[in-house]
N, C-alpha and C. Protein backbone atom coordinates (compact mmCIF):
# COMPACT_ATOMS: atom_id res chain seq x y z
N MET A 1 -2.07 -5.79 -15.87
CA MET A 1 -2.30 -6.86 -15.92
C MET A 1 -0.52 -7.69 -15.88
N LYS A 2 -0.16 -8.43 -15.17
CA LYS A 2 1.33 -9.53 -15.42
C LYS A 2 1.53 -9.55 -16.45
N ALA A 3 2.05 -9.25 -17.62
CA ALA A 3 2.99 -9.08 -18.57
C ALA A 3 2.50 -10.77 -19.48
N PRO A 4 3.03 -11.50 -18.72
CA PRO A 4 2.35 -13.08 -19.18
C PRO A 4 1.06 -13.32 -19.47
N LEU A 5 0.61 -12.70 -18.46
CA LEU A 5 -0.92 -12.80 -19.27
C LEU A 5 -1.70 -11.94 -20.77
N LEU A 6 -0.77 -11.02 -20.34
CA LEU A 6 -1.03 -9.59 -21.38
C LEU A 6 -0.69 -10.34 -22.35
N ALA A 7 0.86 -10.83 -22.76
CA ALA A 7 0.88 -11.68 -23.78
C ALA A 7 0.44 -12.85 -24.10
N ALA A 8 0.11 -13.92 -22.80
CA ALA A 8 -1.51 -15.06 -23.55
C ALA A 8 -2.83 -14.63 -24.22
N ALA A 9 -2.95 -13.44 -23.70
CA ALA A 9 -4.55 -12.47 -24.15
C ALA A 9 -4.12 -12.21 -25.36
N LEU A 10 -3.28 -11.76 -25.91
CA LEU A 10 -2.68 -10.69 -27.56
C LEU A 10 -2.84 -12.25 -27.89
N THR A 11 -2.10 -13.07 -27.67
CA THR A 11 -1.38 -14.59 -28.82
C THR A 11 -2.70 -15.21 -28.51
N LEU A 12 -3.50 -15.01 -28.27
CA LEU A 12 -5.61 -15.52 -28.21
C LEU A 12 -6.26 -14.95 -29.09
N GLY A 13 -5.95 -13.25 -29.28
CA GLY A 13 -6.34 -12.72 -29.84
C GLY A 13 -7.99 -11.77 -29.24
N LEU A 14 -7.48 -12.17 -27.64
CA LEU A 14 -8.52 -11.47 -26.95
C LEU A 14 -8.17 -10.08 -26.66
N THR A 15 -9.24 -9.43 -26.88
CA THR A 15 -9.16 -7.88 -26.55
C THR A 15 -9.02 -7.43 -25.31
N VAL A 16 -7.99 -6.76 -25.14
CA VAL A 16 -8.04 -6.48 -23.30
C VAL A 16 -7.75 -4.61 -23.41
N SER A 17 -8.84 -4.31 -22.98
CA SER A 17 -9.20 -2.92 -22.49
C SER A 17 -8.32 -2.38 -21.94
N PRO A 18 -8.52 -1.00 -21.12
CA PRO A 18 -7.23 -0.46 -20.99
C PRO A 18 -8.52 -0.40 -19.21
N ALA A 19 -9.09 -0.10 -19.26
CA ALA A 19 -10.03 -0.36 -17.84
C ALA A 19 -9.52 -1.91 -17.13
N MET A 20 -9.76 -2.85 -18.08
CA MET A 20 -9.00 -4.16 -17.45
C MET A 20 -7.68 -3.72 -17.04
N MET A 21 -7.01 -2.97 -18.19
CA MET A 21 -5.40 -3.20 -17.11
C MET A 21 -5.15 -2.87 -16.17
N THR A 22 -6.29 -1.22 -16.12
CA THR A 22 -5.78 -0.51 -14.84
C THR A 22 -6.43 -1.29 -13.68
N ALA A 23 -8.05 -1.59 -13.62
CA ALA A 23 -8.23 -2.51 -12.52
C ALA A 23 -6.84 -3.89 -11.79
N ALA A 24 -6.34 -4.47 -13.00
CA ALA A 24 -5.16 -5.37 -12.68
C ALA A 24 -4.15 -4.71 -11.87
N SER A 25 -3.87 -3.43 -12.45
CA SER A 25 -2.47 -2.85 -11.61
C SER A 25 -3.35 -2.35 -10.41
N ALA A 26 -4.27 -2.02 -10.64
CA ALA A 26 -4.89 -1.77 -8.86
C ALA A 26 -4.92 -2.73 -7.83
N GLN A 27 -5.22 -4.27 -8.72
CA GLN A 27 -5.04 -5.02 -7.70
C GLN A 27 -3.28 -5.59 -7.01
N GLU A 28 -2.78 -5.50 -8.53
CA GLU A 28 -1.25 -5.57 -7.59
C GLU A 28 -0.72 -4.56 -7.01
N LYS A 29 -1.21 -3.78 -6.78
CA LYS A 29 -0.75 -3.07 -5.66
C LYS A 29 -0.78 -2.39 -4.88
N ALA A 30 -2.52 -3.00 -4.39
CA ALA A 30 -3.33 -3.26 -3.26
C ALA A 30 -2.65 -4.85 -2.92
N ALA A 31 -2.41 -5.83 -3.63
CA ALA A 31 -1.51 -6.76 -2.79
C ALA A 31 -0.04 -6.55 -2.61
N SER A 32 0.22 -5.37 -2.80
CA SER A 32 1.41 -5.68 -2.57
C SER A 32 1.93 -4.00 -1.22
N PHE A 33 0.63 -4.33 -0.75
CA PHE A 33 1.33 -3.17 0.61
C PHE A 33 1.03 -3.90 1.94
N SER A 34 1.96 -3.03 2.41
CA SER A 34 2.16 -4.33 3.61
C SER A 34 3.10 -2.95 4.05
N THR A 35 3.49 -3.68 5.50
CA THR A 35 4.41 -2.58 6.37
C THR A 35 6.17 -2.19 6.36
N ASP A 36 6.30 -2.61 5.11
CA ASP A 36 7.51 -2.33 3.89
C ASP A 36 7.18 -1.62 3.22
N THR A 37 5.77 -0.69 2.88
CA THR A 37 5.70 0.21 1.45
C THR A 37 6.10 1.58 2.40
N PRO A 38 7.03 2.22 1.31
CA PRO A 38 6.76 3.15 1.36
C PRO A 38 5.46 4.39 2.30
N ILE A 39 5.59 5.02 3.23
CA ILE A 39 4.34 5.46 4.05
C ILE A 39 4.05 6.75 2.82
N GLU A 40 4.18 7.22 2.04
CA GLU A 40 3.60 8.10 1.17
C GLU A 40 2.71 7.47 0.14
N GLN A 41 3.27 6.16 0.13
CA GLN A 41 2.46 5.54 -0.95
C GLN A 41 0.88 4.73 -0.51
N LEU A 42 1.18 4.68 0.49
CA LEU A 42 0.04 3.90 1.05
C LEU A 42 -1.03 5.38 1.47
N VAL A 43 -0.21 6.51 1.95
CA VAL A 43 -1.11 7.43 2.32
C VAL A 43 -1.96 7.92 0.67
N ALA A 44 -1.22 7.65 -0.21
CA ALA A 44 -1.46 7.82 -1.92
C ALA A 44 -3.02 6.67 -2.33
N ASP A 45 -3.53 5.73 -1.62
CA ASP A 45 -3.96 4.95 -1.88
C ASP A 45 -5.31 5.14 -0.50
N LYS A 46 -6.48 4.86 -1.43
CA LYS A 46 -7.97 5.87 -0.43
C LYS A 46 -7.46 4.38 0.54
N ARG A 47 -8.10 3.75 0.16
CA ARG A 47 -7.89 1.95 1.29
C ARG A 47 -6.97 1.91 1.58
N ALA A 48 -5.57 2.59 1.21
CA ALA A 48 -4.46 1.80 2.48
C ALA A 48 -4.39 3.07 3.60
N LYS A 49 -4.90 4.12 3.37
CA LYS A 49 -5.01 5.14 3.95
C LYS A 49 -6.17 5.07 4.89
N THR A 50 -6.87 4.94 4.68
CA THR A 50 -8.26 4.48 5.86
C THR A 50 -7.49 3.74 6.48
N VAL A 51 -6.32 2.65 5.95
CA VAL A 51 -5.97 1.67 7.89
C VAL A 51 -5.30 2.06 8.19
N LEU A 52 -4.22 3.29 7.73
CA LEU A 52 -3.17 4.58 7.92
C LEU A 52 -4.11 4.95 9.05
N ASP A 53 -5.45 5.41 8.75
CA ASP A 53 -6.11 6.76 9.50
C ASP A 53 -6.69 5.41 10.92
N LYS A 54 -7.06 4.87 10.93
CA LYS A 54 -7.46 3.58 12.00
C LYS A 54 -6.43 3.59 12.83
N HIS A 55 -5.68 2.89 12.76
CA HIS A 55 -4.44 2.72 13.45
C HIS A 55 -3.24 4.49 13.94
N ILE A 56 -3.23 5.19 12.94
CA ILE A 56 -2.80 6.38 12.82
C ILE A 56 -2.92 7.34 12.62
N PRO A 57 -4.01 7.68 13.53
CA PRO A 57 -4.91 8.37 12.64
C PRO A 57 -3.86 10.21 12.35
N ASN A 58 -4.32 10.63 11.33
CA ASN A 58 -3.19 12.23 10.89
C ASN A 58 -2.03 11.99 10.50
N LEU A 59 -1.46 10.57 9.87
CA LEU A 59 -0.15 10.73 10.50
C LEU A 59 0.50 11.02 9.30
N ASP A 60 0.00 11.50 7.94
CA ASP A 60 0.05 12.15 7.01
C ASP A 60 -0.09 13.71 7.63
N LYS A 61 -0.43 14.18 8.59
CA LYS A 61 -0.10 15.80 8.83
C LYS A 61 0.22 16.20 10.08
N HIS A 62 0.56 15.32 10.17
CA HIS A 62 2.88 14.87 11.25
C HIS A 62 3.51 16.44 11.06
N PRO A 63 3.97 16.50 11.97
CA PRO A 63 5.00 17.95 11.59
C PRO A 63 6.14 17.52 10.86
N ALA A 64 6.59 16.56 11.01
CA ALA A 64 7.84 15.85 10.30
C ALA A 64 7.42 15.07 9.05
N TYR A 65 6.27 14.99 8.91
CA TYR A 65 5.79 13.74 7.54
C TYR A 65 7.01 14.46 5.82
N GLY A 66 7.32 15.34 5.98
CA GLY A 66 7.83 15.25 4.72
C GLY A 66 9.24 14.49 4.98
N GLN A 67 9.97 14.54 6.09
CA GLN A 67 11.02 13.96 6.61
C GLN A 67 10.78 12.29 6.32
N PHE A 68 9.59 11.48 6.96
CA PHE A 68 9.76 9.91 7.33
C PHE A 68 8.45 9.70 6.09
N LYS A 69 8.06 10.35 5.08
CA LYS A 69 7.52 10.20 3.85
C LYS A 69 7.93 8.74 3.01
N THR A 70 9.00 9.01 2.59
CA THR A 70 9.68 8.00 1.80
C THR A 70 10.15 6.56 2.55
N MET A 71 9.73 6.94 4.04
CA MET A 71 10.00 5.03 4.24
C MET A 71 8.91 4.40 4.97
N SER A 72 9.32 3.45 5.24
CA SER A 72 8.33 2.53 5.57
C SER A 72 7.76 2.58 7.20
N LEU A 73 6.67 1.98 7.53
CA LEU A 73 6.24 2.03 8.95
C LEU A 73 7.32 1.32 9.89
N ASN A 74 7.64 0.22 9.18
CA ASN A 74 8.64 -1.13 10.11
C ASN A 74 9.92 0.04 9.77
N ALA A 75 10.07 0.82 9.55
CA ALA A 75 11.79 1.78 9.40
C ALA A 75 11.30 2.77 10.19
N VAL A 76 10.25 3.55 10.56
CA VAL A 76 9.99 4.50 11.20
C VAL A 76 9.74 4.24 12.59
N ALA A 77 9.37 2.61 12.32
CA ALA A 77 9.06 2.42 14.34
C ALA A 77 9.81 2.73 15.21
N PRO A 78 11.53 2.21 14.99
CA PRO A 78 12.17 1.87 15.98
C PRO A 78 12.14 3.66 16.36
N PHE A 79 12.24 4.90 15.75
CA PHE A 79 12.12 6.64 16.01
C PHE A 79 11.09 6.59 16.59
N SER A 80 10.27 5.80 16.90
CA SER A 80 8.96 6.62 16.89
C SER A 80 8.68 7.07 18.65
N GLN A 81 9.91 6.51 19.52
CA GLN A 81 9.79 6.75 20.98
C GLN A 81 8.90 5.70 21.36
N GLY A 82 8.48 4.97 21.00
CA GLY A 82 7.36 4.12 21.18
C GLY A 82 6.07 4.09 20.98
N ALA A 83 5.49 4.88 19.89
CA ALA A 83 4.41 5.21 19.52
C ALA A 83 3.92 4.52 18.45
N ILE A 84 4.81 3.87 17.62
CA ILE A 84 4.05 2.86 16.49
C ILE A 84 4.75 1.26 17.40
N THR A 85 3.87 0.52 17.94
CA THR A 85 4.41 -0.89 19.10
C THR A 85 4.55 -1.91 17.61
N PRO A 86 5.19 -3.26 18.03
CA PRO A 86 5.00 -4.03 16.99
C PRO A 86 3.55 -4.50 16.81
N GLU A 87 3.04 -4.43 17.86
CA GLU A 87 1.70 -4.59 17.61
C GLU A 87 1.14 -3.95 16.98
N MET A 88 1.35 -2.75 16.82
CA MET A 88 0.09 -1.71 16.18
C MET A 88 1.03 -2.57 14.53
N LEU A 89 1.97 -2.36 13.85
CA LEU A 89 2.49 -3.05 13.19
C LEU A 89 2.19 -4.39 12.82
N ALA A 90 1.73 -4.75 13.57
CA ALA A 90 1.40 -6.12 13.15
C ALA A 90 -0.86 -6.13 12.38
N ASN A 91 -0.94 -5.23 13.33
CA ASN A 91 -2.73 -4.96 13.35
C ASN A 91 -2.89 -4.27 11.68
N ILE A 92 -1.41 -3.21 11.45
CA ILE A 92 -1.67 -2.73 10.08
C ILE A 92 -1.09 -3.63 9.41
N GLN A 93 -0.87 -4.29 9.38
CA GLN A 93 -0.38 -5.56 8.44
C GLN A 93 -1.41 -6.33 8.04
N LYS A 94 -1.68 -6.30 8.66
CA LYS A 94 -3.19 -7.62 9.05
C LYS A 94 -4.34 -6.61 7.83
N ASP A 95 -4.71 -5.41 8.34
CA ASP A 95 -5.30 -4.77 7.58
C ASP A 95 -5.60 -4.19 6.28
N LEU A 96 -3.69 -4.20 5.57
CA LEU A 96 -3.32 -4.01 4.35
C LEU A 96 -3.61 -5.15 3.77
N ALA A 97 -3.05 -6.35 4.46
CA ALA A 97 -3.08 -7.63 3.49
C ALA A 97 -4.89 -8.23 2.83
N ALA A 98 -5.88 -7.95 3.71
CA ALA A 98 -7.26 -7.73 3.56
C ALA A 98 -7.71 -6.48 2.09
N ILE A 99 -7.03 -5.82 1.88
CA ILE A 99 -7.54 -4.89 0.81
C ILE A 99 -7.18 -5.71 -0.42
N LYS A 100 -8.24 -5.53 -1.35
CA LYS A 100 -8.43 -6.08 -2.09
C LYS A 100 -9.20 -5.26 -3.75
């Protein structure tokens, strides 16, 4: 839950459960997924990994994954020798933005 919302809830005497905070954090995290998000963060989220697997199957199984996992897809694309195209990035971005 964002700090201003949390502060407002507490000021009003509302009870904020840990589950509510966890759900809000998950929504905020999902809302921030993009082709600029580090790949390891995308792989760590089940929904984002589903998007990756749809467009770039087994990316996390690539022999060099350990070398590029901290980079974003946008950063890796120029080094992919054309394997990650601008069209792929646009489609991935669209699917990541649809995660709720």
